[in-house]
Amino acid sequence: MAEALDPYPFPSSLYVSSSVTLKLNDSNYLLWKTQFESLLRSQKLLGFVTGQIGPPEATVTVTVNGAVVTTPNPDFEAWTCTDQLIKSWIFGTLTEEVLGYVHGLATSQEVWLSLADNFNQSFIAREFDLRRRLQLLTNRGKDFLVYCQKFRAICDQLSSIGKPVEESMKIFTFLNGLGREYDPITHVGSTVLTTAACSIPLCDIQAFSSSTQDCSASSLAIR
């Protein structure tokens, strides 16, 4: 006969940091959440934080020597142990500042939902700030490589909070931030610039910059 599955597993020897490599801070919530959900799902524990695996009754009634008595429910104790284990996992992946928001909460679900509420509210302001920085970014006074790095970093940060920049807007914004010396390249076509700005390795961008500047110089000479 197959052994029944434990409804409340207790993998206390699990090395959490090998699965959740990030310490949750103000800028990486979605990445942290993705890692943590994968860990919980792999252990069949995700329902504890979503509410699908709720607590059983704390007590049960049993008959002892013909008398009905109330006794602690062993399933409730098992559920509580697993729930507190998950909560300790979460606490272990928080920065000290973030831990201060949730350290007094009782269950893993309360902690999980509180973190979601706090960070989802902050995402609105963060998205506004990042999009504003992207619109104002220019390569004036910057090396072309530095401009590309800053542009890509802001786009990556927007993606990390679930607000990726659409490709068409990415192209427009990147071109808009270039100085007049790059006009010949902006007229070549947006496809080349999209590849240069967002896809090629950083080690190749400097070469692109040099070729761009050579093209600009040639164009100015012709004029």
N, C-alpha and C. Protein backbone atom coordinates (compact mmCIF):
# COMPACT_ATOMS: atom_id res chain seq x y z
N MET A 1 0.85 -1.20 0.00
CA MET A 1 0.00 0.00 0.00
C MET A 1 0.88 1.25 0.00
N ALA A 2 0.57 2.18 -0.87
CA ALA A 2 1.37 3.41 -0.95
C ALA A 2 1.18 4.24 0.31
N GLU A 3 2.27 4.85 0.75
CA GLU A 3 2.22 5.68 1.95
C GLU A 3 1.49 6.98 1.64
N ALA A 4 0.60 7.39 2.53
CA ALA A 4 -0.15 8.64 2.33
C ALA A 4 0.77 9.84 2.38
N LEU A 5 0.49 10.82 1.54
CA LEU A 5 1.30 12.02 1.51
C LEU A 5 1.03 12.86 2.75
N ASP A 6 2.08 13.45 3.28
CA ASP A 6 1.94 14.33 4.43
C ASP A 6 1.31 15.64 3.96
N PRO A 7 0.14 16.03 4.50
CA PRO A 7 -0.48 17.28 4.04
C PRO A 7 0.29 18.52 4.46
N TYR A 8 1.15 18.37 5.47
CA TYR A 8 1.92 19.51 5.97
C TYR A 8 3.40 19.12 6.06
N PRO A 9 4.08 19.05 4.91
CA PRO A 9 5.50 18.65 4.94
C PRO A 9 6.33 19.64 5.73
N PHE A 10 7.45 19.16 6.25
CA PHE A 10 8.30 19.99 7.10
C PHE A 10 9.76 19.79 6.69
N PRO A 11 10.16 20.36 5.52
CA PRO A 11 11.53 20.18 5.03
C PRO A 11 12.52 21.10 5.75
N SER A 12 12.77 20.83 7.02
CA SER A 12 13.57 21.74 7.85
C SER A 12 15.03 21.78 7.44
N SER A 13 15.51 20.76 6.70
CA SER A 13 16.92 20.73 6.31
C SER A 13 17.18 21.42 4.97
N LEU A 14 16.15 22.00 4.39
CA LEU A 14 16.29 22.65 3.08
C LEU A 14 17.21 23.86 3.17
N TYR A 15 18.12 23.97 2.22
CA TYR A 15 19.06 25.09 2.17
C TYR A 15 18.44 26.19 1.31
N VAL A 16 17.72 27.11 1.95
CA VAL A 16 16.90 28.09 1.23
C VAL A 16 17.74 29.00 0.35
N SER A 17 18.90 29.41 0.82
CA SER A 17 19.70 30.40 0.07
C SER A 17 20.19 29.87 -1.27
N SER A 18 20.16 28.55 -1.46
CA SER A 18 20.55 28.02 -2.77
C SER A 18 19.45 28.21 -3.81
N SER A 19 18.21 28.39 -3.33
CA SER A 19 17.08 28.61 -4.24
C SER A 19 16.66 30.06 -4.31
N VAL A 20 16.75 30.77 -3.18
CA VAL A 20 16.42 32.20 -3.14
C VAL A 20 17.72 32.95 -2.91
N THR A 21 18.30 33.43 -3.99
CA THR A 21 19.64 34.02 -3.92
C THR A 21 19.61 35.51 -3.61
N LEU A 22 18.41 36.11 -3.58
CA LEU A 22 18.29 37.55 -3.38
C LEU A 22 17.83 37.87 -1.98
N LYS A 23 18.34 38.98 -1.44
CA LYS A 23 17.80 39.58 -0.23
C LYS A 23 16.80 40.64 -0.67
N LEU A 24 15.57 40.51 -0.22
CA LEU A 24 14.53 41.43 -0.67
C LEU A 24 14.83 42.85 -0.21
N ASN A 25 14.81 43.78 -1.18
CA ASN A 25 14.99 45.20 -0.87
C ASN A 25 13.97 46.01 -1.67
N ASP A 26 14.15 47.31 -1.71
CA ASP A 26 13.16 48.18 -2.33
C ASP A 26 13.09 48.07 -3.85
N SER A 27 14.05 47.38 -4.47
CA SER A 27 14.10 47.40 -5.93
C SER A 27 13.97 46.03 -6.60
N ASN A 28 13.89 44.95 -5.83
CA ASN A 28 13.93 43.63 -6.48
C ASN A 28 12.78 42.71 -6.08
N TYR A 29 11.65 43.30 -5.69
CA TYR A 29 10.55 42.48 -5.16
C TYR A 29 10.09 41.40 -6.14
N LEU A 30 9.85 41.75 -7.40
CA LEU A 30 9.32 40.77 -8.34
C LEU A 30 10.31 39.63 -8.60
N LEU A 31 11.60 39.96 -8.65
CA LEU A 31 12.60 38.92 -8.84
C LEU A 31 12.65 38.00 -7.62
N TRP A 32 12.62 38.61 -6.43
CA TRP A 32 12.61 37.83 -5.19
C TRP A 32 11.37 36.95 -5.13
N LYS A 33 10.21 37.51 -5.45
CA LYS A 33 8.95 36.77 -5.40
C LYS A 33 8.98 35.58 -6.35
N THR A 34 9.53 35.76 -7.53
CA THR A 34 9.63 34.66 -8.49
C THR A 34 10.46 33.52 -7.93
N GLN A 35 11.60 33.85 -7.33
CA GLN A 35 12.46 32.82 -6.76
C GLN A 35 11.76 32.11 -5.60
N PHE A 36 11.10 32.89 -4.74
CA PHE A 36 10.49 32.29 -3.56
C PHE A 36 9.28 31.43 -3.93
N GLU A 37 8.50 31.87 -4.89
CA GLU A 37 7.37 31.06 -5.33
C GLU A 37 7.84 29.73 -5.92
N SER A 38 8.95 29.76 -6.66
CA SER A 38 9.48 28.52 -7.22
C SER A 38 9.90 27.56 -6.11
N LEU A 39 10.54 28.10 -5.08
CA LEU A 39 10.94 27.27 -3.94
C LEU A 39 9.72 26.64 -3.27
N LEU A 40 8.72 27.45 -2.96
CA LEU A 40 7.52 26.94 -2.28
C LEU A 40 6.78 25.93 -3.15
N ARG A 41 6.71 26.21 -4.45
CA ARG A 41 6.00 25.30 -5.35
C ARG A 41 6.73 23.95 -5.42
N SER A 42 8.05 23.99 -5.42
CA SER A 42 8.83 22.74 -5.50
C SER A 42 8.63 21.87 -4.27
N GLN A 43 8.27 22.49 -3.15
CA GLN A 43 8.04 21.75 -1.90
C GLN A 43 6.55 21.54 -1.60
N LYS A 44 5.70 21.89 -2.58
CA LYS A 44 4.23 21.79 -2.41
C LYS A 44 3.75 22.60 -1.21
N LEU A 45 4.31 23.79 -1.04
CA LEU A 45 3.99 24.64 0.10
C LEU A 45 3.42 25.99 -0.29
N LEU A 46 3.24 26.23 -1.59
CA LEU A 46 2.79 27.55 -2.03
C LEU A 46 1.42 27.91 -1.43
N GLY A 47 0.59 26.92 -1.21
CA GLY A 47 -0.74 27.16 -0.67
C GLY A 47 -0.75 27.80 0.71
N PHE A 48 0.34 27.67 1.45
CA PHE A 48 0.40 28.30 2.77
C PHE A 48 0.37 29.82 2.66
N VAL A 49 1.04 30.38 1.66
CA VAL A 49 1.08 31.84 1.55
C VAL A 49 -0.06 32.38 0.70
N THR A 50 -0.65 31.54 -0.14
CA THR A 50 -1.79 32.00 -0.95
C THR A 50 -3.12 31.82 -0.22
N GLY A 51 -3.12 31.04 0.84
CA GLY A 51 -4.35 30.79 1.58
C GLY A 51 -5.05 29.52 1.19
N GLN A 52 -4.54 28.81 0.18
CA GLN A 52 -5.18 27.57 -0.25
C GLN A 52 -5.01 26.44 0.77
N ILE A 53 -3.93 26.51 1.54
CA ILE A 53 -3.73 25.53 2.62
C ILE A 53 -3.89 26.27 3.94
N GLY A 54 -5.12 26.38 4.38
CA GLY A 54 -5.41 27.10 5.61
C GLY A 54 -5.26 26.22 6.83
N PRO A 55 -5.33 26.80 8.01
CA PRO A 55 -5.15 26.02 9.23
C PRO A 55 -6.37 25.16 9.53
N PRO A 56 -6.16 23.94 9.99
CA PRO A 56 -7.29 23.14 10.45
C PRO A 56 -7.76 23.63 11.82
N GLU A 57 -8.79 23.05 12.32
CA GLU A 57 -9.28 23.42 13.65
C GLU A 57 -8.20 23.17 14.70
N ALA A 58 -8.12 24.08 15.66
CA ALA A 58 -7.08 23.96 16.69
C ALA A 58 -7.35 22.80 17.64
N THR A 59 -8.61 22.44 17.80
CA THR A 59 -8.95 21.34 18.70
C THR A 59 -9.91 20.38 18.01
N VAL A 60 -9.97 19.18 18.52
CA VAL A 60 -10.91 18.18 18.04
C VAL A 60 -11.58 17.53 19.24
N THR A 61 -12.75 16.99 19.01
CA THR A 61 -13.44 16.26 20.08
C THR A 61 -13.25 14.77 19.88
N VAL A 62 -12.94 14.10 20.95
CA VAL A 62 -12.74 12.65 20.91
C VAL A 62 -13.50 12.03 22.08
N THR A 63 -13.77 10.76 21.95
CA THR A 63 -14.46 10.03 23.01
C THR A 63 -13.46 9.21 23.80
N VAL A 64 -13.38 9.46 25.09
CA VAL A 64 -12.47 8.75 25.97
C VAL A 64 -13.28 8.11 27.09
N ASN A 65 -13.23 6.77 27.13
CA ASN A 65 -13.99 6.04 28.16
C ASN A 65 -15.46 6.46 28.17
N GLY A 66 -16.00 6.62 26.98
CA GLY A 66 -17.40 6.95 26.86
C GLY A 66 -17.74 8.42 27.04
N ALA A 67 -16.72 9.24 27.34
CA ALA A 67 -16.96 10.68 27.52
C ALA A 67 -16.36 11.46 26.36
N VAL A 68 -17.07 12.49 25.91
CA VAL A 68 -16.59 13.34 24.83
C VAL A 68 -15.73 14.45 25.42
N VAL A 69 -14.47 14.52 24.96
CA VAL A 69 -13.56 15.54 25.47
C VAL A 69 -12.94 16.31 24.31
N THR A 70 -12.50 17.51 24.59
CA THR A 70 -11.82 18.35 23.59
C THR A 70 -10.32 18.23 23.80
N THR A 71 -9.61 18.01 22.71
CA THR A 71 -8.16 17.83 22.80
C THR A 71 -7.48 18.59 21.67
N PRO A 72 -6.22 18.99 21.85
CA PRO A 72 -5.51 19.68 20.77
C PRO A 72 -5.46 18.83 19.50
N ASN A 73 -5.64 19.48 18.38
CA ASN A 73 -5.62 18.80 17.09
C ASN A 73 -4.18 18.64 16.61
N PRO A 74 -3.68 17.42 16.46
CA PRO A 74 -2.30 17.24 16.00
C PRO A 74 -2.07 17.80 14.60
N ASP A 75 -3.11 17.83 13.77
CA ASP A 75 -2.96 18.42 12.44
C ASP A 75 -2.72 19.92 12.52
N PHE A 76 -3.37 20.57 13.49
CA PHE A 76 -3.15 22.00 13.66
C PHE A 76 -1.71 22.27 14.09
N GLU A 77 -1.18 21.45 14.96
CA GLU A 77 0.22 21.61 15.38
C GLU A 77 1.16 21.40 14.21
N ALA A 78 0.87 20.39 13.37
CA ALA A 78 1.71 20.13 12.20
C ALA A 78 1.64 21.30 11.22
N TRP A 79 0.42 21.82 11.00
CA TRP A 79 0.26 22.97 10.11
C TRP A 79 1.04 24.17 10.64
N THR A 80 0.93 24.43 11.93
CA THR A 80 1.62 25.58 12.54
C THR A 80 3.13 25.46 12.39
N CYS A 81 3.66 24.26 12.59
CA CYS A 81 5.11 24.07 12.46
C CYS A 81 5.57 24.38 11.04
N THR A 82 4.84 23.87 10.05
CA THR A 82 5.21 24.13 8.66
C THR A 82 5.06 25.61 8.32
N ASP A 83 3.97 26.21 8.78
CA ASP A 83 3.73 27.63 8.52
C ASP A 83 4.84 28.50 9.11
N GLN A 84 5.26 28.20 10.32
CA GLN A 84 6.32 28.98 10.95
C GLN A 84 7.67 28.74 10.29
N LEU A 85 7.86 27.54 9.76
CA LEU A 85 9.09 27.26 9.00
C LEU A 85 9.14 28.15 7.76
N ILE A 86 8.02 28.23 7.04
CA ILE A 86 7.97 29.08 5.85
C ILE A 86 8.20 30.54 6.23
N LYS A 87 7.60 30.97 7.32
CA LYS A 87 7.79 32.35 7.76
C LYS A 87 9.26 32.62 8.07
N SER A 88 9.93 31.66 8.68
CA SER A 88 11.35 31.84 8.98
C SER A 88 12.18 31.88 7.70
N TRP A 89 11.77 31.11 6.68
CA TRP A 89 12.45 31.19 5.39
C TRP A 89 12.33 32.60 4.81
N ILE A 90 11.12 33.13 4.85
CA ILE A 90 10.90 34.47 4.31
C ILE A 90 11.75 35.48 5.07
N PHE A 91 11.70 35.42 6.40
CA PHE A 91 12.48 36.36 7.22
C PHE A 91 13.97 36.28 6.89
N GLY A 92 14.45 35.07 6.60
CA GLY A 92 15.87 34.90 6.30
C GLY A 92 16.31 35.49 4.99
N THR A 93 15.35 35.86 4.12
CA THR A 93 15.70 36.44 2.82
C THR A 93 15.36 37.92 2.74
N LEU A 94 15.07 38.54 3.88
CA LEU A 94 14.75 39.97 3.90
C LEU A 94 15.93 40.77 4.42
N THR A 95 16.09 41.98 3.91
CA THR A 95 17.04 42.89 4.52
C THR A 95 16.49 43.33 5.87
N GLU A 96 17.37 43.87 6.70
CA GLU A 96 16.95 44.28 8.04
C GLU A 96 15.85 45.33 7.97
N GLU A 97 15.94 46.22 7.01
CA GLU A 97 14.93 47.27 6.87
C GLU A 97 13.57 46.69 6.53
N VAL A 98 13.53 45.76 5.59
CA VAL A 98 12.26 45.16 5.18
C VAL A 98 11.70 44.28 6.30
N LEU A 99 12.57 43.58 7.01
CA LEU A 99 12.13 42.74 8.12
C LEU A 99 11.38 43.56 9.17
N GLY A 100 11.78 44.81 9.33
CA GLY A 100 11.11 45.67 10.30
C GLY A 100 9.65 45.91 9.98
N TYR A 101 9.26 45.76 8.71
CA TYR A 101 7.87 45.97 8.33
C TYR A 101 6.96 44.82 8.78
N VAL A 102 7.52 43.62 8.87
CA VAL A 102 6.66 42.43 9.00
C VAL A 102 7.00 41.52 10.17
N HIS A 103 7.98 41.89 10.98
CA HIS A 103 8.47 40.95 11.99
C HIS A 103 7.40 40.57 13.03
N GLY A 104 6.38 41.41 13.21
CA GLY A 104 5.37 41.13 14.22
C GLY A 104 4.17 40.35 13.73
N LEU A 105 4.16 39.98 12.46
CA LEU A 105 3.00 39.26 11.90
C LEU A 105 3.05 37.78 12.26
N ALA A 106 1.87 37.17 12.35
CA ALA A 106 1.78 35.84 12.96
C ALA A 106 2.03 34.69 11.99
N THR A 107 1.51 34.78 10.77
CA THR A 107 1.59 33.64 9.85
C THR A 107 2.37 34.00 8.59
N SER A 108 2.76 32.96 7.86
CA SER A 108 3.49 33.19 6.62
C SER A 108 2.62 33.92 5.60
N GLN A 109 1.33 33.65 5.58
CA GLN A 109 0.44 34.34 4.64
C GLN A 109 0.34 35.82 4.98
N GLU A 110 0.24 36.16 6.25
CA GLU A 110 0.18 37.57 6.64
C GLU A 110 1.45 38.30 6.21
N VAL A 111 2.59 37.66 6.39
CA VAL A 111 3.86 38.26 5.96
C VAL A 111 3.87 38.43 4.44
N TRP A 112 3.49 37.39 3.73
CA TRP A 112 3.50 37.39 2.26
C TRP A 112 2.61 38.50 1.69
N LEU A 113 1.38 38.60 2.21
CA LEU A 113 0.45 39.61 1.72
C LEU A 113 0.88 41.02 2.10
N SER A 114 1.46 41.18 3.28
CA SER A 114 1.94 42.50 3.69
C SER A 114 3.07 42.98 2.79
N LEU A 115 3.99 42.08 2.46
CA LEU A 115 5.08 42.45 1.55
C LEU A 115 4.52 42.84 0.18
N ALA A 116 3.54 42.07 -0.31
CA ALA A 116 2.94 42.39 -1.61
C ALA A 116 2.28 43.76 -1.58
N ASP A 117 1.53 44.06 -0.52
CA ASP A 117 0.87 45.36 -0.42
C ASP A 117 1.88 46.50 -0.39
N ASN A 118 2.91 46.35 0.44
CA ASN A 118 3.91 47.42 0.58
C ASN A 118 4.64 47.70 -0.73
N PHE A 119 5.08 46.63 -1.40
CA PHE A 119 5.89 46.83 -2.59
C PHE A 119 5.05 47.20 -3.80
N ASN A 120 3.85 46.69 -3.90
CA ASN A 120 2.99 47.08 -5.03
C ASN A 120 2.65 48.57 -4.98
N GLN A 121 2.47 49.12 -3.78
CA GLN A 121 2.21 50.56 -3.65
C GLN A 121 3.43 51.38 -4.04
N SER A 122 4.60 50.90 -3.65
CA SER A 122 5.82 51.66 -3.96
C SER A 122 6.17 51.59 -5.44
N PHE A 123 5.67 50.55 -6.15
CA PHE A 123 5.99 50.40 -7.56
C PHE A 123 5.46 51.56 -8.40
N ILE A 124 4.33 52.13 -8.01
CA ILE A 124 3.75 53.22 -8.79
C ILE A 124 4.71 54.41 -8.82
N ALA A 125 5.20 54.79 -7.64
CA ALA A 125 6.14 55.91 -7.56
C ALA A 125 7.45 55.56 -8.24
N ARG A 126 7.89 54.30 -8.08
CA ARG A 126 9.17 53.90 -8.69
C ARG A 126 9.06 53.88 -10.21
N GLU A 127 7.95 53.39 -10.72
CA GLU A 127 7.78 53.38 -12.17
C GLU A 127 7.80 54.81 -12.72
N PHE A 128 7.12 55.72 -12.06
CA PHE A 128 7.11 57.11 -12.51
C PHE A 128 8.53 57.68 -12.52
N ASP A 129 9.29 57.42 -11.46
CA ASP A 129 10.65 57.94 -11.37
C ASP A 129 11.53 57.36 -12.47
N LEU A 130 11.45 56.05 -12.70
CA LEU A 130 12.29 55.42 -13.72
C LEU A 130 11.93 55.89 -15.12
N ARG A 131 10.65 56.02 -15.42
CA ARG A 131 10.25 56.49 -16.75
C ARG A 131 10.66 57.94 -16.96
N ARG A 132 10.60 58.74 -15.92
CA ARG A 132 11.05 60.13 -16.02
C ARG A 132 12.55 60.18 -16.29
N ARG A 133 13.31 59.35 -15.57
CA ARG A 133 14.76 59.32 -15.79
C ARG A 133 15.09 58.85 -17.20
N LEU A 134 14.31 57.90 -17.72
CA LEU A 134 14.56 57.41 -19.06
C LEU A 134 14.30 58.50 -20.10
N GLN A 135 13.22 59.26 -19.91
CA GLN A 135 12.89 60.33 -20.85
C GLN A 135 13.93 61.44 -20.83
N LEU A 136 14.51 61.70 -19.67
CA LEU A 136 15.48 62.80 -19.54
C LEU A 136 16.91 62.38 -19.86
N LEU A 137 17.14 61.08 -20.01
CA LEU A 137 18.51 60.61 -20.25
C LEU A 137 19.00 61.02 -21.63
N THR A 138 20.19 61.57 -21.69
CA THR A 138 20.82 61.92 -22.96
C THR A 138 22.28 61.50 -22.90
N ASN A 139 22.92 61.48 -24.07
CA ASN A 139 24.34 61.15 -24.08
C ASN A 139 25.21 62.40 -24.02
N ARG A 140 24.62 63.56 -23.79
CA ARG A 140 25.40 64.79 -23.72
C ARG A 140 26.35 64.74 -22.53
N GLY A 141 27.60 64.95 -22.82
CA GLY A 141 28.62 64.91 -21.77
C GLY A 141 28.99 63.51 -21.33
N LYS A 142 28.49 62.49 -22.02
CA LYS A 142 28.78 61.11 -21.64
C LYS A 142 29.44 60.39 -22.80
N ASP A 143 30.27 59.42 -22.48
CA ASP A 143 30.76 58.49 -23.48
C ASP A 143 29.58 57.66 -23.99
N PHE A 144 29.61 57.27 -25.25
CA PHE A 144 28.50 56.51 -25.82
C PHE A 144 28.25 55.22 -25.05
N LEU A 145 29.32 54.55 -24.63
CA LEU A 145 29.19 53.32 -23.87
C LEU A 145 28.46 53.56 -22.55
N VAL A 146 28.80 54.65 -21.88
CA VAL A 146 28.15 54.98 -20.61
C VAL A 146 26.67 55.25 -20.83
N TYR A 147 26.35 55.96 -21.91
CA TYR A 147 24.94 56.23 -22.24
C TYR A 147 24.17 54.93 -22.44
N CYS A 148 24.75 54.01 -23.20
CA CYS A 148 24.09 52.72 -23.44
C CYS A 148 23.89 51.95 -22.14
N GLN A 149 24.91 51.97 -21.28
CA GLN A 149 24.81 51.25 -20.01
C GLN A 149 23.69 51.82 -19.15
N LYS A 150 23.62 53.15 -19.06
CA LYS A 150 22.59 53.79 -18.24
C LYS A 150 21.20 53.53 -18.82
N PHE A 151 21.09 53.61 -20.13
CA PHE A 151 19.81 53.36 -20.79
C PHE A 151 19.32 51.94 -20.51
N ARG A 152 20.20 50.99 -20.70
CA ARG A 152 19.82 49.60 -20.50
C ARG A 152 19.51 49.32 -19.03
N ALA A 153 20.26 49.94 -18.12
CA ALA A 153 20.03 49.72 -16.69
C ALA A 153 18.63 50.17 -16.27
N ILE A 154 18.21 51.33 -16.78
CA ILE A 154 16.87 51.82 -16.44
C ILE A 154 15.80 50.91 -17.03
N CYS A 155 16.00 50.47 -18.27
CA CYS A 155 15.04 49.54 -18.89
C CYS A 155 14.95 48.24 -18.09
N ASP A 156 16.10 47.75 -17.63
CA ASP A 156 16.12 46.52 -16.84
C ASP A 156 15.39 46.71 -15.51
N GLN A 157 15.57 47.88 -14.89
CA GLN A 157 14.89 48.15 -13.63
C GLN A 157 13.37 48.20 -13.82
N LEU A 158 12.93 48.78 -14.92
CA LEU A 158 11.50 48.79 -15.21
C LEU A 158 10.97 47.37 -15.43
N SER A 159 11.74 46.55 -16.10
CA SER A 159 11.33 45.16 -16.30
C SER A 159 11.24 44.42 -14.98
N SER A 160 12.17 44.73 -14.06
CA SER A 160 12.22 44.02 -12.78
C SER A 160 11.01 44.31 -11.90
N ILE A 161 10.30 45.42 -12.16
CA ILE A 161 9.09 45.71 -11.39
C ILE A 161 7.84 45.42 -12.21
N GLY A 162 8.02 44.66 -13.29
CA GLY A 162 6.88 44.25 -14.10
C GLY A 162 6.35 45.31 -15.04
N LYS A 163 7.16 46.33 -15.36
CA LYS A 163 6.74 47.41 -16.24
C LYS A 163 7.75 47.60 -17.38
N PRO A 164 7.94 46.58 -18.21
CA PRO A 164 8.93 46.69 -19.27
C PRO A 164 8.57 47.77 -20.29
N VAL A 165 9.59 48.36 -20.88
CA VAL A 165 9.39 49.39 -21.89
C VAL A 165 9.10 48.72 -23.23
N GLU A 166 8.05 49.15 -23.90
CA GLU A 166 7.73 48.59 -25.21
C GLU A 166 8.87 48.88 -26.18
N GLU A 167 9.09 47.96 -27.11
CA GLU A 167 10.22 48.09 -28.02
C GLU A 167 10.16 49.39 -28.83
N SER A 168 8.98 49.75 -29.30
CA SER A 168 8.86 50.98 -30.09
C SER A 168 9.23 52.20 -29.26
N MET A 169 8.79 52.23 -28.00
CA MET A 169 9.13 53.34 -27.13
C MET A 169 10.60 53.32 -26.76
N LYS A 170 11.15 52.13 -26.62
CA LYS A 170 12.58 52.01 -26.31
C LYS A 170 13.41 52.59 -27.45
N ILE A 171 13.02 52.28 -28.68
CA ILE A 171 13.74 52.81 -29.84
C ILE A 171 13.65 54.34 -29.87
N PHE A 172 12.43 54.85 -29.74
CA PHE A 172 12.23 56.29 -29.79
C PHE A 172 13.03 57.00 -28.70
N THR A 173 12.96 56.48 -27.48
CA THR A 173 13.63 57.13 -26.36
C THR A 173 15.13 57.10 -26.53
N PHE A 174 15.66 55.97 -26.98
CA PHE A 174 17.10 55.87 -27.19
C PHE A 174 17.57 56.87 -28.25
N LEU A 175 16.86 56.94 -29.37
CA LEU A 175 17.24 57.87 -30.43
C LEU A 175 17.10 59.31 -29.97
N ASN A 176 16.06 59.58 -29.21
CA ASN A 176 15.81 60.94 -28.76
C ASN A 176 16.90 61.46 -27.84
N GLY A 177 17.57 60.53 -27.15
CA GLY A 177 18.62 60.94 -26.22
C GLY A 177 19.97 61.16 -26.87
N LEU A 178 20.10 60.81 -28.14
CA LEU A 178 21.38 60.98 -28.83
C LEU A 178 21.57 62.42 -29.28
N GLY A 179 22.82 62.85 -29.29
CA GLY A 179 23.14 64.20 -29.74
C GLY A 179 23.12 64.32 -31.25
N ARG A 180 23.26 65.56 -31.74
CA ARG A 180 23.20 65.80 -33.18
C ARG A 180 24.32 65.10 -33.93
N GLU A 181 25.41 64.81 -33.25
CA GLU A 181 26.52 64.17 -33.95
C GLU A 181 26.17 62.76 -34.42
N TYR A 182 25.07 62.20 -33.90
CA TYR A 182 24.65 60.86 -34.30
C TYR A 182 23.50 60.89 -35.30
N ASP A 183 23.17 62.05 -35.84
CA ASP A 183 22.08 62.15 -36.80
C ASP A 183 22.23 61.20 -37.99
N PRO A 184 23.43 61.03 -38.57
CA PRO A 184 23.54 60.11 -39.70
C PRO A 184 23.12 58.69 -39.35
N ILE A 185 23.40 58.28 -38.12
CA ILE A 185 23.05 56.93 -37.71
C ILE A 185 21.55 56.81 -37.45
N THR A 186 20.95 57.84 -36.87
CA THR A 186 19.51 57.76 -36.59
C THR A 186 18.71 57.65 -37.88
N HIS A 187 19.28 58.13 -38.99
CA HIS A 187 18.58 58.05 -40.27
C HIS A 187 18.80 56.71 -40.97
N VAL A 188 19.75 55.92 -40.48
CA VAL A 188 20.00 54.62 -41.11
C VAL A 188 18.82 53.69 -40.90
N GLY A 189 18.23 53.76 -39.71
CA GLY A 189 17.07 52.89 -39.42
C GLY A 189 17.04 52.48 -37.97
N SER A 190 15.87 52.33 -37.44
CA SER A 190 15.72 52.02 -36.02
C SER A 190 16.17 50.61 -35.68
N THR A 191 16.16 49.70 -36.64
CA THR A 191 16.52 48.32 -36.34
C THR A 191 17.96 48.20 -35.88
N VAL A 192 18.87 48.88 -36.59
CA VAL A 192 20.28 48.82 -36.23
C VAL A 192 20.49 49.39 -34.85
N LEU A 193 19.84 50.50 -34.56
CA LEU A 193 20.02 51.15 -33.27
C LEU A 193 19.43 50.33 -32.14
N THR A 194 18.32 49.65 -32.39
CA THR A 194 17.74 48.80 -31.35
C THR A 194 18.71 47.70 -30.99
N THR A 195 19.30 47.07 -31.99
CA THR A 195 20.27 46.01 -31.73
C THR A 195 21.45 46.54 -30.96
N ALA A 196 21.96 47.70 -31.37
CA ALA A 196 23.14 48.26 -30.71
C ALA A 196 22.86 48.64 -29.28
N ALA A 197 21.69 49.22 -29.04
CA ALA A 197 21.41 49.74 -27.70
C ALA A 197 21.01 48.67 -26.72
N CYS A 198 20.34 47.61 -27.19
CA CYS A 198 19.68 46.73 -26.24
C CYS A 198 20.11 45.27 -26.31
N SER A 199 20.80 44.86 -27.41
CA SER A 199 21.03 43.44 -27.56
C SER A 199 22.50 43.04 -27.54
N ILE A 200 23.38 43.81 -28.15
CA ILE A 200 24.75 43.37 -28.26
C ILE A 200 25.45 43.48 -26.92
N PRO A 201 26.47 42.64 -26.68
CA PRO A 201 27.20 42.70 -25.43
C PRO A 201 27.84 44.06 -25.22
N LEU A 202 28.04 44.42 -23.96
CA LEU A 202 28.63 45.72 -23.66
C LEU A 202 30.01 45.86 -24.26
N CYS A 203 30.73 44.74 -24.34
CA CYS A 203 32.09 44.83 -24.87
C CYS A 203 32.10 45.21 -26.34
N ASP A 204 30.95 45.04 -27.04
CA ASP A 204 30.89 45.39 -28.46
C ASP A 204 30.35 46.80 -28.70
N ILE A 205 29.78 47.41 -27.68
CA ILE A 205 29.14 48.72 -27.88
C ILE A 205 30.18 49.79 -28.19
N GLN A 206 31.36 49.70 -27.58
CA GLN A 206 32.39 50.70 -27.84
C GLN A 206 32.78 50.71 -29.31
N ALA A 207 32.86 49.49 -29.90
CA ALA A 207 33.18 49.42 -31.33
C ALA A 207 32.09 50.08 -32.15
N PHE A 208 30.83 49.86 -31.76
CA PHE A 208 29.72 50.52 -32.45
C PHE A 208 29.83 52.03 -32.33
N SER A 209 30.21 52.51 -31.15
CA SER A 209 30.37 53.94 -30.93
C SER A 209 31.42 54.52 -31.86
N SER A 210 32.56 53.81 -31.99
CA SER A 210 33.63 54.30 -32.84
C SER A 210 33.18 54.39 -34.29
N SER A 211 32.48 53.34 -34.75
CA SER A 211 32.02 53.36 -36.14
C SER A 211 30.99 54.45 -36.35
N THR A 212 30.15 54.69 -35.32
CA THR A 212 29.15 55.75 -35.41
C THR A 212 29.82 57.11 -35.54
N GLN A 213 30.85 57.34 -34.72
CA GLN A 213 31.54 58.62 -34.75
C GLN A 213 32.26 58.82 -36.07
N ASP A 214 32.83 57.73 -36.64
CA ASP A 214 33.48 57.82 -37.94
C ASP A 214 32.48 58.21 -39.01
N CYS A 215 31.28 57.60 -38.91
CA CYS A 215 30.23 57.92 -39.88
C CYS A 215 29.81 59.37 -39.76
N SER A 216 29.70 59.85 -38.52
CA SER A 216 29.31 61.23 -38.29
C SER A 216 30.35 62.18 -38.87
N ALA A 217 31.62 61.86 -38.65
CA ALA A 217 32.68 62.73 -39.14
C ALA A 217 32.67 62.79 -40.66
N SER A 218 32.44 61.62 -41.30
CA SER A 218 32.39 61.59 -42.76
C SER A 218 31.23 62.42 -43.28
N SER A 219 30.09 62.32 -42.61
CA SER A 219 28.92 63.08 -43.03
C SER A 219 29.17 64.57 -42.93
N LEU A 220 29.81 65.00 -41.85
CA LEU A 220 30.09 66.42 -41.67
C LEU A 220 31.08 66.92 -42.72
N ALA A 221 32.03 66.05 -43.08
CA ALA A 221 33.01 66.44 -44.08
C ALA A 221 32.34 66.65 -45.44
N ILE A 222 31.35 65.77 -45.74
CA ILE A 222 30.65 65.89 -47.02
C ILE A 222 29.87 67.19 -47.09
N ARG A 223 29.25 67.56 -45.92
CA ARG A 223 28.50 68.80 -45.88
C ARG A 223 29.42 69.99 -46.08
